C-alpha atoms as a PDB file:
ATOM      1  CA  MET A   1       0.000   0.000   0.000  1.00  0.00           C
ATOM      2  CA  THR A   2       1.342   3.384  -0.943  1.00  0.00           C
ATOM      3  CA  ALA A   3       2.071   5.918   1.787  1.00  0.00           C
ATOM      4  CA  THR A   4       3.586   9.384   1.885  1.00  0.00           C
ATOM      5  CA  ALA A   5       6.948   8.108   3.091  1.00  0.00           C
ATOM      6  CA  HIS A   6       9.415   5.249   2.871  1.00  0.00           C
ATOM      7  CA  LEU A   7      10.780   3.848   6.130  1.00  0.00           C
ATOM      8  CA  TYR A   8      13.737   1.465   6.318  1.00  0.00           C
ATOM      9  CA  GLU A   9      15.736  -0.050   9.152  1.00  0.00           C
ATOM     10  CA  ILE A  10      18.938  -2.061   9.035  1.00  0.00           C
ATOM     11  CA  PHE A  11      21.550  -3.292  11.519  1.00  0.00           C
ATOM     12  CA  ILE A  12      25.205  -2.693  10.661  1.00  0.00           C
ATOM     13  CA  ARG A  13      28.134  -4.281  12.470  1.00  0.00           C
ATOM     14  CA  ALA A  14      29.983  -1.017  13.073  1.00  0.00           C
ATOM     15  CA  PRO A  15      29.987   1.658  15.810  1.00  0.00           C
ATOM     16  CA  ARG A  16      27.648   4.530  15.079  1.00  0.00           C
ATOM     17  CA  GLU A  17      30.590   6.979  14.911  1.00  0.00           C
ATOM     18  CA  ARG A  18      31.874   4.989  11.923  1.00  0.00           C
ATOM     19  CA  VAL A  19      28.411   4.843  10.358  1.00  0.00           C
ATOM     20  CA  TRP A  20      28.066   8.611  10.838  1.00  0.00           C
ATOM     21  CA  GLN A  21      31.409   9.159   9.131  1.00  0.00           C
ATOM     22  CA  ALA A  22      30.176   7.104   6.190  1.00  0.00           C
ATOM     23  CA  LEU A  23      27.112   9.385   5.911  1.00  0.00           C
ATOM     24  CA  VAL A  24      29.047  12.656   5.717  1.00  0.00           C
ATOM     25  CA  ASP A  25      32.461  11.726   4.285  1.00  0.00           C
ATOM     26  CA  PRO A  26      32.499  12.073   0.475  1.00  0.00           C
ATOM     27  CA  ASP A  27      35.242   9.434   0.228  1.00  0.00           C
ATOM     28  CA  ASP A  28      32.770   6.965   1.707  1.00  0.00           C
ATOM     29  CA  THR A  29      29.583   8.094  -0.029  1.00  0.00           C
ATOM     30  CA  VAL A  30      31.121   7.829  -3.474  1.00  0.00           C
ATOM     31  CA  GLN A  31      31.598   4.116  -2.827  1.00  0.00           C
ATOM     32  CA  TYR A  32      28.073   3.133  -1.799  1.00  0.00           C
ATOM     33  CA  PHE A  33      25.841   5.994  -2.987  1.00  0.00           C
ATOM     34  CA  HIS A  34      25.662   5.362  -6.734  1.00  0.00           C
ATOM     35  CA  GLY A  35      29.031   7.009  -7.369  1.00  0.00           C
ATOM     36  CA  THR A  36      28.006  10.333  -5.819  1.00  0.00           C
ATOM     37  CA  ARG A  37      29.476  12.425  -3.038  1.00  0.00           C
ATOM     38  CA  PHE A  38      27.792  14.540  -0.396  1.00  0.00           C
ATOM     39  CA  ASP A  39      28.888  18.173  -0.502  1.00  0.00           C
ATOM     40  CA  SER A  40      27.874  20.209   2.565  1.00  0.00           C
ATOM     41  CA  SER A  41      29.217  21.731   5.748  1.00  0.00           C
ATOM     42  CA  PHE A  42      26.355  19.894   7.490  1.00  0.00           C
ATOM     43  CA  GLU A  43      25.580  22.925   9.609  1.00  0.00           C
ATOM     44  CA  VAL A  44      21.870  23.551  10.210  1.00  0.00           C
ATOM     45  CA  GLY A  45      20.560  25.745   7.392  1.00  0.00           C
ATOM     46  CA  ALA A  46      23.509  24.988   5.110  1.00  0.00           C
ATOM     47  CA  PRO A  47      22.938  23.875   1.510  1.00  0.00           C
ATOM     48  CA  PHE A  48      23.335  20.215   0.668  1.00  0.00           C
ATOM     49  CA  HIS A  49      24.402  18.842  -2.706  1.00  0.00           C
ATOM     50  CA  ASN A  50      24.637  15.256  -3.859  1.00  0.00           C
ATOM     51  CA  VAL A  51      26.983  15.345  -6.834  1.00  0.00           C
ATOM     52  CA  VAL A  52      27.729  12.701  -9.454  1.00  0.00           C
ATOM     53  CA  VAL A  53      31.514  12.462  -9.444  1.00  0.00           C
ATOM     54  CA  ASP A  54      31.687  11.511 -13.115  1.00  0.00           C
ATOM     55  CA  GLY A  55      30.970  14.867 -14.755  1.00  0.00           C
ATOM     56  CA  GLU A  56      30.201  16.810 -11.558  1.00  0.00           C
ATOM     57  CA  ARG A  57      26.449  16.705 -12.276  1.00  0.00           C
ATOM     58  CA  LEU A  58      24.050  17.699  -9.491  1.00  0.00           C
ATOM     59  CA  ALA A  59      21.879  14.729  -8.531  1.00  0.00           C
ATOM     60  CA  VAL A  60      20.119  16.083  -5.425  1.00  0.00           C
ATOM     61  CA  ASP A  61      19.980  19.426  -3.644  1.00  0.00           C
ATOM     62  CA  GLY A  62      18.510  20.416  -0.320  1.00  0.00           C
ATOM     63  CA  ILE A  63      18.967  22.161   3.007  1.00  0.00           C
ATOM     64  CA  VAL A  64      20.341  20.676   6.221  1.00  0.00           C
ATOM     65  CA  GLU A  65      17.520  20.834   8.792  1.00  0.00           C
ATOM     66  CA  THR A  66      19.039  18.824  11.647  1.00  0.00           C
ATOM     67  CA  CYS A  67      22.581  17.652  12.322  1.00  0.00           C
ATOM     68  CA  SER A  68      23.355  15.996  15.670  1.00  0.00           C
ATOM     69  CA  PRO A  69      26.483  13.821  15.269  1.00  0.00           C
ATOM     70  CA  PRO A  70      26.579  10.876  15.548  1.00  0.00           C
ATOM     71  CA  HIS A  71      22.856  10.413  16.053  1.00  0.00           C
ATOM     72  CA  ARG A  72      20.600  12.257  13.621  1.00  0.00           C
ATOM     73  CA  LEU A  73      20.795  13.945  10.222  1.00  0.00           C
ATOM     74  CA  ALA A  74      17.787  15.435   8.386  1.00  0.00           C
ATOM     75  CA  ILE A  75      17.949  17.053   4.945  1.00  0.00           C
ATOM     76  CA  THR A  76      15.357  18.290   2.471  1.00  0.00           C
ATOM     77  CA  TRP A  77      15.732  16.195  -0.673  1.00  0.00           C
ATOM     78  CA  HIS A  78      14.998  17.546  -4.158  1.00  0.00           C
ATOM     79  CA  VAL A  79      15.864  15.233  -7.050  1.00  0.00           C
ATOM     80  CA  ASN A  80      17.570  16.831 -10.075  1.00  0.00           C
ATOM     81  CA  TYR A  81      18.608  13.854 -12.192  1.00  0.00           C
ATOM     82  CA  ASP A  82      15.187  13.413 -13.830  1.00  0.00           C
ATOM     83  CA  PRO A  83      13.079  16.267 -15.288  1.00  0.00           C
ATOM     84  CA  GLU A  84       9.757  14.889 -14.022  1.00  0.00           C
ATOM     85  CA  MET A  85      11.064  14.337 -10.501  1.00  0.00           C
ATOM     86  CA  ALA A  86      12.774  17.727 -10.551  1.00  0.00           C
ATOM     87  CA  ALA A  87       9.342  19.292 -11.124  1.00  0.00           C
ATOM     88  CA  GLU A  88       8.001  17.680  -7.924  1.00  0.00           C
ATOM     89  CA  PRO A  89       8.326  19.353  -4.509  1.00  0.00           C
ATOM     90  CA  PRO A  90      11.209  18.301  -2.262  1.00  0.00           C
ATOM     91  CA  GLY A  91      10.881  15.507   0.256  1.00  0.00           C
ATOM     92  CA  ARG A  92      12.761  15.082   3.510  1.00  0.00           C
ATOM     93  CA  VAL A  93      15.370  12.428   4.286  1.00  0.00           C
ATOM     94  CA  GLU A  94      16.164  11.667   7.918  1.00  0.00           C
ATOM     95  CA  TRP A  95      18.838   9.297   9.214  1.00  0.00           C
ATOM     96  CA  THR A  96      18.805   8.118  12.844  1.00  0.00           C
ATOM     97  CA  LEU A  97      21.681   6.062  14.265  1.00  0.00           C
ATOM     98  CA  THR A  98      21.202   4.169  17.535  1.00  0.00           C
ATOM     99  CA  PRO A  99      23.507   1.670  19.310  1.00  0.00           C
ATOM    100  CA  ALA A 100      21.910  -1.765  18.988  1.00  0.00           C
ATOM    101  CA  ASN A 101      23.882  -3.673  21.633  1.00  0.00           C
ATOM    102  CA  ASP A 102      25.635  -3.041  24.943  1.00  0.00           C
ATOM    103  CA  ASP A 103      29.147  -2.524  23.593  1.00  0.00           C
ATOM    104  CA  GLY A 104      28.028  -0.342  20.667  1.00  0.00           C
ATOM    105  CA  SER A 105      29.540  -2.613  18.057  1.00  0.00           C
ATOM    106  CA  VAL A 106      26.255  -2.790  16.136  1.00  0.00           C
ATOM    107  CA  THR A 107      24.298   0.251  14.957  1.00  0.00           C
ATOM    108  CA  ARG A 108      20.614   0.392  14.142  1.00  0.00           C
ATOM    109  CA  VAL A 109      20.167   2.640  11.117  1.00  0.00           C
ATOM    110  CA  THR A 110      16.694   4.103  10.526  1.00  0.00           C
ATOM    111  CA  LEU A 111      16.076   5.974   7.277  1.00  0.00           C
ATOM    112  CA  ARG A 112      12.856   7.837   6.580  1.00  0.00           C
ATOM    113  CA  HIS A 113      12.201   9.558   3.243  1.00  0.00           C
ATOM    114  CA  GLY A 114       8.998  11.528   3.790  1.00  0.00           C
ATOM    115  CA  ASP A 115       6.940  14.470   2.542  1.00  0.00           C
ATOM    116  CA  LEU A 116       6.267  12.596  -0.698  1.00  0.00           C
ATOM    117  CA  ALA A 117       2.485  12.966  -0.921  1.00  0.00           C
ATOM    118  CA  LEU A 118       2.809  15.342  -3.888  1.00  0.00           C
ATOM    119  CA  SER A 119       5.808  13.559  -5.409  1.00  0.00           C
ATOM    120  CA  PRO A 120       4.585  10.189  -6.726  1.00  0.00           C
ATOM    121  CA  LYS A 121       7.321   9.901  -9.352  1.00  0.00           C
ATOM    122  CA  THR A 122      10.010  10.354  -6.714  1.00  0.00           C
ATOM    123  CA  TRP A 123       8.166   7.972  -4.373  1.00  0.00           C
ATOM    124  CA  ALA A 124       8.298   5.244  -6.996  1.00  0.00           C
ATOM    125  CA  HIS A 125      11.865   5.856  -8.104  1.00  0.00           C
ATOM    126  CA  VAL A 126      13.533   5.852  -4.686  1.00  0.00           C
ATOM    127  CA  LYS A 127      11.550   2.918  -3.305  1.00  0.00           C
ATOM    128  CA  LEU A 128      14.205   0.306  -4.166  1.00  0.00           C
ATOM    129  CA  GLY A 129      17.017   2.821  -4.554  1.00  0.00           C
ATOM    130  CA  TRP A 130      17.248   3.307  -0.798  1.00  0.00           C
ATOM    131  CA  VAL A 131      17.355  -0.458  -0.247  1.00  0.00           C
ATOM    132  CA  ALA A 132      20.350  -0.746  -2.566  1.00  0.00           C
ATOM    133  CA  ILE A 133      22.099   2.179  -0.850  1.00  0.00           C
ATOM    134  CA  LEU A 134      21.570   0.852   2.672  1.00  0.00           C
ATOM    135  CA  ASP A 135      22.677  -2.639   1.725  1.00  0.00           C
ATOM    136  CA  SER A 136      25.740  -1.250  -0.015  1.00  0.00           C
ATOM    137  CA  LEU A 137      26.568   0.876   3.058  1.00  0.00           C
ATOM    138  CA  LYS A 138      26.295  -2.231   5.234  1.00  0.00           C
ATOM    139  CA  SER A 139      28.555  -4.186   2.884  1.00  0.00           C
ATOM    140  CA  LEU A 140      31.149  -1.389   2.833  1.00  0.00           C
ATOM    141  CA  LEU A 141      31.344  -1.059   6.592  1.00  0.00           C
ATOM    142  CA  GLU A 142      31.287  -4.783   7.339  1.00  0.00           C
ATOM    143  CA  THR A 143      33.486  -6.124   4.518  1.00  0.00           C
ATOM    144  CA  GLY A 144      35.340  -3.094   3.230  1.00  0.00           C
ATOM    145  CA  THR A 145      33.703  -3.445  -0.176  1.00  0.00           C
ATOM    146  CA  PRO A 146      30.391  -1.936  -1.335  1.00  0.00           C
ATOM    147  CA  LEU A 147      27.903  -3.869  -3.423  1.00  0.00           C
ATOM    148  CA  PRO A 148      28.457  -3.958  -7.172  1.00  0.00           C
ATOM    149  CA  ALA A 149      25.897  -2.111  -9.282  1.00  0.00           C
ATOM    150  CA  VAL A 150      22.417  -3.631  -8.916  1.00  0.00           C
ATOM    151  CA  ASP A 151      19.180  -3.165 -10.852  1.00  0.00           C
ATOM    152  CA  ASP A 152      16.941  -0.967  -8.684  1.00  0.00           C
ATOM    153  CA  ASP A 153      14.997   0.560 -11.560  1.00  0.00           C
ATOM    154  CA  VAL A 154      11.270   0.934 -10.882  1.00  0.00           C
ATOM    155  CA  THR A 155      10.665   3.755 -13.357  1.00  0.00           C
ATOM    156  CA  ASP A 156       7.966   1.688 -15.119  1.00  0.00           C
ATOM    157  CA  THR A 157       5.691   2.216 -12.116  1.00  0.00           C
ATOM    158  CA  ASP A 158       2.662   4.309 -13.008  1.00  0.00           C
ATOM    159  CA  ALA A 159       2.826   7.452 -10.880  1.00  0.00           C
ATOM    160  CA  GLY A 160      -0.925   7.895 -11.272  1.00  0.00           C
ATOM    161  CA  VAL A 161      -1.576   4.474  -9.744  1.00  0.00           C
ATOM    162  CA  ILE A 162       0.757   5.272  -6.865  1.00  0.00           C
ATOM    163  CA  GLU A 163      -1.109   8.471  -6.118  1.00  0.00           C
ATOM    164  CA  GLY A 164      -4.462   6.722  -6.493  1.00  0.00           C
ATOM    165  CA  ASN A 165      -3.420   3.981  -4.081  1.00  0.00           C
ATOM    166  CA  TRP A 166      -2.416   6.644  -1.567  1.00  0.00           C
ATOM    167  CA  HIS A 167      -5.827   8.304  -1.909  1.00  0.00           C
ATOM    168  CA  ARG A 168      -7.501   4.931  -1.385  1.00  0.00           C
ATOM    169  CA  ALA A 169      -5.566   4.345   1.832  1.00  0.00           C
ATOM    170  CA  GLN A 170      -6.511   7.802   3.087  1.00  0.00           C
ATOM    171  CA  ALA A 171     -10.168   7.261   2.112  1.00  0.00           C
ATOM    172  CA  VAL A 172     -10.417   4.050   4.122  1.00  0.00           C
ATOM    173  CA  THR A 173      -8.761   5.647   7.149  1.00  0.00           C
ATOM    174  CA  ALA A 174     -10.944   8.756   7.051  1.00  0.00           C
ATOM    175  CA  ASN A 175     -14.111   6.732   6.411  1.00  0.00           C
ATOM    176  CA  ASN A 176     -13.523   4.459   9.384  1.00  0.00           C
ATOM    177  CA  SER A 177     -12.629   7.360  11.647  1.00  0.00           C
ATOM    178  CA  VAL A 178     -15.990   9.091  11.042  1.00  0.00           C
ATOM    179  CA  TRP A 179     -17.749   6.396  13.056  1.00  0.00           C
ATOM    180  CA  GLU A 180     -15.892   7.471  16.174  1.00  0.00           C
ATOM    181  CA  TYR A 181     -18.144  10.557  16.114  1.00  0.00           C
ATOM    182  CA  LEU A 182     -21.357   8.834  15.041  1.00  0.00           C
ATOM    183  CA  ASP A 183     -21.731   7.245  18.450  1.00  0.00           C
ATOM    184  CA  GLY A 184     -24.857   8.997  19.670  1.00  0.00           C
ATOM    185  CA  ARG A 185     -23.043  11.748  21.532  1.00  0.00           C
ATOM    186  CA  ASP A 186     -24.157  15.350  21.864  1.00  0.00           C
ATOM    187  CA  HIS A 187     -21.665  17.054  19.591  1.00  0.00           C
ATOM    188  CA  SER A 188     -19.762  20.063  20.838  1.00  0.00           C
ATOM    189  CA  ALA A 189     -18.656  22.655  18.279  1.00  0.00           C
ATOM    190  CA  ASP A 190     -15.237  20.978  18.111  1.00  0.00           C
ATOM    191  CA  ASP A 191     -16.838  17.535  17.739  1.00  0.00           C
ATOM    192  CA  ALA A 192     -19.013  18.811  14.894  1.00  0.00           C
ATOM    193  CA  ASP A 193     -16.011  20.250  13.084  1.00  0.00           C
ATOM    194  CA  GLU A 194     -14.074  17.025  13.494  1.00  0.00           C
ATOM    195  CA  LEU A 195     -16.985  14.895  12.293  1.00  0.00           C
ATOM    196  CA  LEU A 196     -17.555  16.912   9.133  1.00  0.00           C
ATOM    197  CA  GLN A 197     -13.864  17.252   8.338  1.00  0.00           C
ATOM    198  CA  ARG A 198     -13.434  13.491   8.502  1.00  0.00           C
ATOM    199  CA  ALA A 199     -16.525  12.795   6.401  1.00  0.00           C
ATOM    200  CA  TYR A 200     -15.538  15.260   3.681  1.00  0.00           C
ATOM    201  CA  ALA A 201     -11.956  13.979   3.739  1.00  0.00           C
ATOM    202  CA  ALA A 202     -13.242  10.473   3.047  1.00  0.00           C
ATOM    203  CA  ALA A 203     -15.354  11.730   0.139  1.00  0.00           C
ATOM    204  CA  TYR A 204     -12.438  13.746  -1.270  1.00  0.00           C
ATOM    205  CA  HIS A 205     -10.086  10.767  -1.261  1.00  0.00           C
ATOM    206  CA  TRP A 206     -12.656   8.254  -2.554  1.00  0.00           C
ATOM    207  CA  ARG A 207     -13.215  10.401  -5.640  1.00  0.00           C
ATOM    208  CA  ARG A 208      -9.467  10.189  -6.418  1.00  0.00           C
ATOM    209  CA  ALA A 209      -8.767   6.631  -5.269  1.00  0.00           C
ATOM    210  CA  THR A 210      -7.517   3.858  -7.505  1.00  0.00           C
ATOM    211  CA  GLY A 211     -10.440   1.621  -8.432  1.00  0.00           C
ATOM    212  CA  SER A 212     -13.052   4.026  -7.120  1.00  0.00           C
ATOM    213  CA  THR A 213     -16.519   3.441  -8.567  1.00  0.00           C
ATOM    214  CA  ALA A 214     -19.934   5.030  -8.323  1.00  0.00           C
ATOM    215  CA  VAL A 215     -20.566   2.676  -5.391  1.00  0.00           C
ATOM    216  CA  ASN A 216     -17.709   4.248  -3.422  1.00  0.00           C
ATOM    217  CA  LEU A 217     -19.025   7.718  -4.236  1.00  0.00           C
ATOM    218  CA  ALA A 218     -22.546   6.713  -3.171  1.00  0.00           C
ATOM    219  CA  ARG A 219     -21.306   5.480   0.186  1.00  0.00           C
ATOM    220  CA  ALA A 220     -19.136   8.558   0.665  1.00  0.00           C
ATOM    221  CA  SER A 221     -22.108  10.845  -0.039  1.00  0.00           C
ATOM    222  CA  TRP A 222     -24.227   8.808   2.354  1.00  0.00           C
ATOM    223  CA  LEU A 223     -21.647   9.314   5.109  1.00  0.00           C
ATOM    224  CA  VAL A 224     -21.556  13.071   4.520  1.00  0.00           C
ATOM    225  CA  SER A 225     -25.365  13.164   4.562  1.00  0.00           C
ATOM    226  CA  ARG A 226     -25.530  11.190   7.803  1.00  0.00           C
ATOM    227  CA  SER A 227     -22.929  13.462   9.417  1.00  0.00           C
ATOM    228  CA  HIS A 228     -24.893  16.587   8.561  1.00  0.00           C
ATOM    229  CA  ALA A 229     -28.170  14.978   9.617  1.00  0.00           C
ATOM    230  CA  VAL A 230     -26.984  14.144  13.136  1.00  0.00           C
ATOM    231  CA  LEU A 231     -25.918  17.779  13.459  1.00  0.00           C
ATOM    232  CA  GLY A 232     -29.353  18.981  12.349  1.00  0.00           C
ATOM    233  CA  HIS A 233     -28.199  20.383   9.005  1.00  0.00           C
ATOM    234  CA  GLY A 234     -31.255  19.151   7.117  1.00  0.00           C
ATOM    235  CA  ASP A 235     -30.912  20.937   3.791  1.00  0.00           C
ATOM    236  CA  VAL A 236     -27.263  19.928   3.345  1.00  0.00           C
ATOM    237  CA  ALA A 237     -28.032  16.380   4.483  1.00  0.00           C
ATOM    238  CA  LEU A 238     -30.815  16.170   1.884  1.00  0.00           C
ATOM    239  CA  HIS A 239     -28.503  17.383  -0.880  1.00  0.00           C
ATOM    240  CA  HIS A 240     -25.959  14.648  -0.152  1.00  0.00           C
ATOM    241  CA  ALA A 241     -28.681  12.020   0.311  1.00  0.00           C
ATOM    242  CA  ASP A 242     -29.903  12.843  -3.190  1.00  0.00           C
ATOM    243  CA  ARG A 243     -26.339  12.629  -4.485  1.00  0.00           C
ATOM    244  CA  SER A 244     -25.960   9.220  -2.865  1.00  0.00           C
ATOM    245  CA  ALA A 245     -29.117   8.004  -4.598  1.00  0.00           C
ATOM    246  CA  GLN A 246     -27.854   9.346  -7.928  1.00  0.00           C
ATOM    247  CA  PHE A 247     -24.573   7.478  -7.550  1.00  0.00           C
ATOM    248  CA  VAL A 248     -26.424   4.265  -6.624  1.00  0.00           C
ATOM    249  CA  GLU A 249     -28.482   4.611  -9.799  1.00  0.00           C
ATOM    250  CA  ARG A 250     -25.325   5.272 -11.812  1.00  0.00           C
ATOM    251  CA  ALA A 251     -23.684   2.168 -10.342  1.00  0.00           C
ATOM    252  CA  GLY A 252     -26.449  -0.074 -11.652  1.00  0.00           C
ATOM    253  CA  GLY A 253     -25.744  -3.735 -10.987  1.00  0.00           C
ATOM    254  CA  GLU A 254     -22.519  -2.937  -9.119  1.00  0.00           C
ATOM    255  CA  ALA A 255     -24.513  -1.473  -6.220  1.00  0.00           C
ATOM    256  CA  ALA A 256     -25.343  -3.912  -3.446  1.00  0.00           C
ATOM    257  CA  ASP A 257     -28.890  -4.388  -2.214  1.00  0.00           C
ATOM    258  CA  PHE A 258     -28.051  -2.516   0.978  1.00  0.00           C
ATOM    259  CA  ASP A 259     -26.781   0.486  -1.021  1.00  0.00           C
ATOM    260  CA  HIS A 260     -30.364   1.008  -2.215  1.00  0.00           C
ATOM    261  CA  ALA A 261     -31.636   0.670   1.337  1.00  0.00           C
ATOM    262  CA  TYR A 262     -29.174   3.219   2.656  1.00  0.00           C
ATOM    263  CA  ALA A 263     -30.030   5.687  -0.105  1.00  0.00           C
ATOM    264  CA  HIS A 264     -33.679   5.646   1.030  1.00  0.00           C
ATOM    265  CA  GLU A 265     -32.648   5.843   4.697  1.00  0.00           C
ATOM    266  CA  ALA A 266     -30.474   8.919   4.099  1.00  0.00           C
ATOM    267  CA  ARG A 267     -33.270  10.714   2.284  1.00  0.00           C
ATOM    268  CA  ALA A 268     -35.784   9.791   4.997  1.00  0.00           C
ATOM    269  CA  ARG A 269     -33.534  11.115   7.778  1.00  0.00           C
ATOM    270  CA  ALA A 270     -32.792  14.364   5.941  1.00  0.00           C
ATOM    271  CA  LEU A 271     -36.480  14.937   5.141  1.00  0.00           C
ATOM    272  CA  ALA A 272     -37.363  14.361   8.775  1.00  0.00           C
ATOM    273  CA  CYS A 273     -34.713  16.868   9.769  1.00  0.00           C
ATOM    274  CA  VAL A 274     -36.274  19.606   7.597  1.00  0.00           C
ATOM    275  CA  GLY A 275     -39.786  18.769   8.814  1.00  0.00           C
ATOM    276  CA  ARG A 276     -41.170  17.138   5.655  1.00  0.00           C
ATOM    277  CA  ARG A 277     -42.620  14.296   7.696  1.00  0.00           C
ATOM    278  CA  ASP A 278     -44.953  12.639   5.164  1.00  0.00           C
ATOM    279  CA  GLU A 279     -42.186  12.377   2.585  1.00  0.00           C
ATOM    280  CA  ALA A 280     -39.767  11.234   5.289  1.00  0.00           C
ATOM    281  CA  LEU A 281     -42.109   8.437   6.320  1.00  0.00           C
ATOM    282  CA  ASP A 282     -42.516   7.286   2.723  1.00  0.00           C
ATOM    283  CA  ALA A 283     -38.735   7.158   2.303  1.00  0.00           C
ATOM    284  CA  TYR A 284     -38.380   5.327   5.612  1.00  0.00           C
ATOM    285  CA  ARG A 285     -40.880   2.682   4.520  1.00  0.00           C
ATOM    286  CA  ALA A 286     -39.029   2.347   1.205  1.00  0.00           C
ATOM    287  CA  ALA A 287     -35.783   1.752   3.110  1.00  0.00           C
ATOM    288  CA  GLU A 288     -37.441  -0.910   5.270  1.00  0.00           C
ATOM    289  CA  ALA A 289     -38.889  -2.625   2.202  1.00  0.00           C
ATOM    290  CA  VAL A 290     -35.566  -3.191   0.421  1.00  0.00           C
ATOM    291  CA  GLU A 291     -34.678  -6.880   0.524  1.00  0.00           C
ATOM    292  CA  VAL A 292     -31.157  -7.280   1.900  1.00  0.00           C
ATOM    293  CA  ALA A 293     -30.243 -10.907   1.301  1.00  0.00           C
ATOM    294  CA  ASP A 294     -27.275 -11.329   3.631  1.00  0.00           C
ATOM    295  CA  GLU A 295     -28.352 -11.655   7.273  1.00  0.00           C
ATOM    296  CA  GLN A 296     -25.336  -9.775   8.627  1.00  0.00           C
ATOM    297  CA  ASP A 297     -25.800  -6.924   6.148  1.00  0.00           C
ATOM    298  CA  ARG A 298     -29.480  -6.776   7.109  1.00  0.00           C
ATOM    299  CA  SER A 299     -28.628  -6.652  10.799  1.00  0.00           C
ATOM    300  CA  ILE A 300     -26.133  -3.827  10.301  1.00  0.00           C
ATOM    301  CA  PHE A 301     -28.601  -1.857   8.193  1.00  0.00           C
ATOM    302  CA  ASP A 302     -31.422  -2.336  10.689  1.00  0.00           C
ATOM    303  CA  GLY A 303     -29.163  -1.001  13.430  1.00  0.00           C
ATOM    304  CA  ASP A 304     -28.314   2.087  11.381  1.00  0.00           C
ATOM    305  CA  LEU A 305     -31.980   2.567  10.458  1.00  0.00           C
ATOM    306  CA  GLN A 306     -33.076   2.545  14.091  1.00  0.00           C
ATOM    307  CA  ALA A 307     -30.311   4.867  15.281  1.00  0.00           C
ATOM    308  CA  GLU A 308     -31.330   8.391  16.190  1.00  0.00           C
ATOM    309  CA  PRO A 309     -31.833  11.156  15.377  1.00  0.00           C
ATOM    310  CA  TRP A 310     -35.212  10.889  13.644  1.00  0.00           C
ATOM    311  CA  PHE A 311     -36.408  14.285  14.778  1.00  0.00           C
ATOM    312  CA  GLY A 312     -39.645  12.975  16.258  1.00  0.00           C
ATOM    313  CA  LEU A 313     -40.711  11.065  13.141  1.00  0.00           C
ATOM    314  CA  ASP A 314     -43.454   8.600  14.113  1.00  0.00           C
ATOM    315  CA  ARG A 315     -42.183   5.374  12.554  1.00  0.00           C
END
């Protein structure tokens, strides 16, 4: 599953002072870092350049954000060796070195390359690149010889799919988190803000997610409608209930039986909220009448149908 960062950990049989030296000494980096050297004073705020020794070409530039020898080094990381990646915003690379045993002869190296949400091309390209670099660093420090050149090319990865997978992960997380606030509580102003922000975040990400269909959009609209309804925002709840029904219709045979039931339920609740009781009751009866074949699905729907608020609707 795609995320906004890569995180790697490795154990190296070397004291962390030696590992730190390998991170900042250009004579070391040129051996394990794809034939490039690090060029920086490594003072906080200083520029950082990763330079290809053959031809002195600039591979990466950035700014040193944190430098605490021999423990932590953080640098903004802007790729220059590919035009598409160069057009993406910079990420952030952070190294953390921690002794992994009592005598300090083994170092735990943690590498995090983050801030990549808007840089899918870079995300894809560095995914295996960092593995090769870390393994080559380990080989250099433990055997005296870095790895030979390896194939870490993942440039055939579709950046659009990567971004879509990230949106899908965010949609699932936001969707599930909404239910923490649909627990029957009396919502404070802060609770109401949090509820709506989560519901709209889920809808935003579902619209952009890999594999998203009209069914996903119907369920996202239903969740937004339900969130507004429990807050008493009847007109807005009705708008999103109608959108949910439209998406269910668009989905055709892909929509589950319970999707139709929920579309009626959302409209009934919103109509009750705005005081259109006769119409609300008709929609409620329509929701009840939908045949949901699976017993568990039916049980879940019945629970949601009975949950308040119904704004005094005589059911």
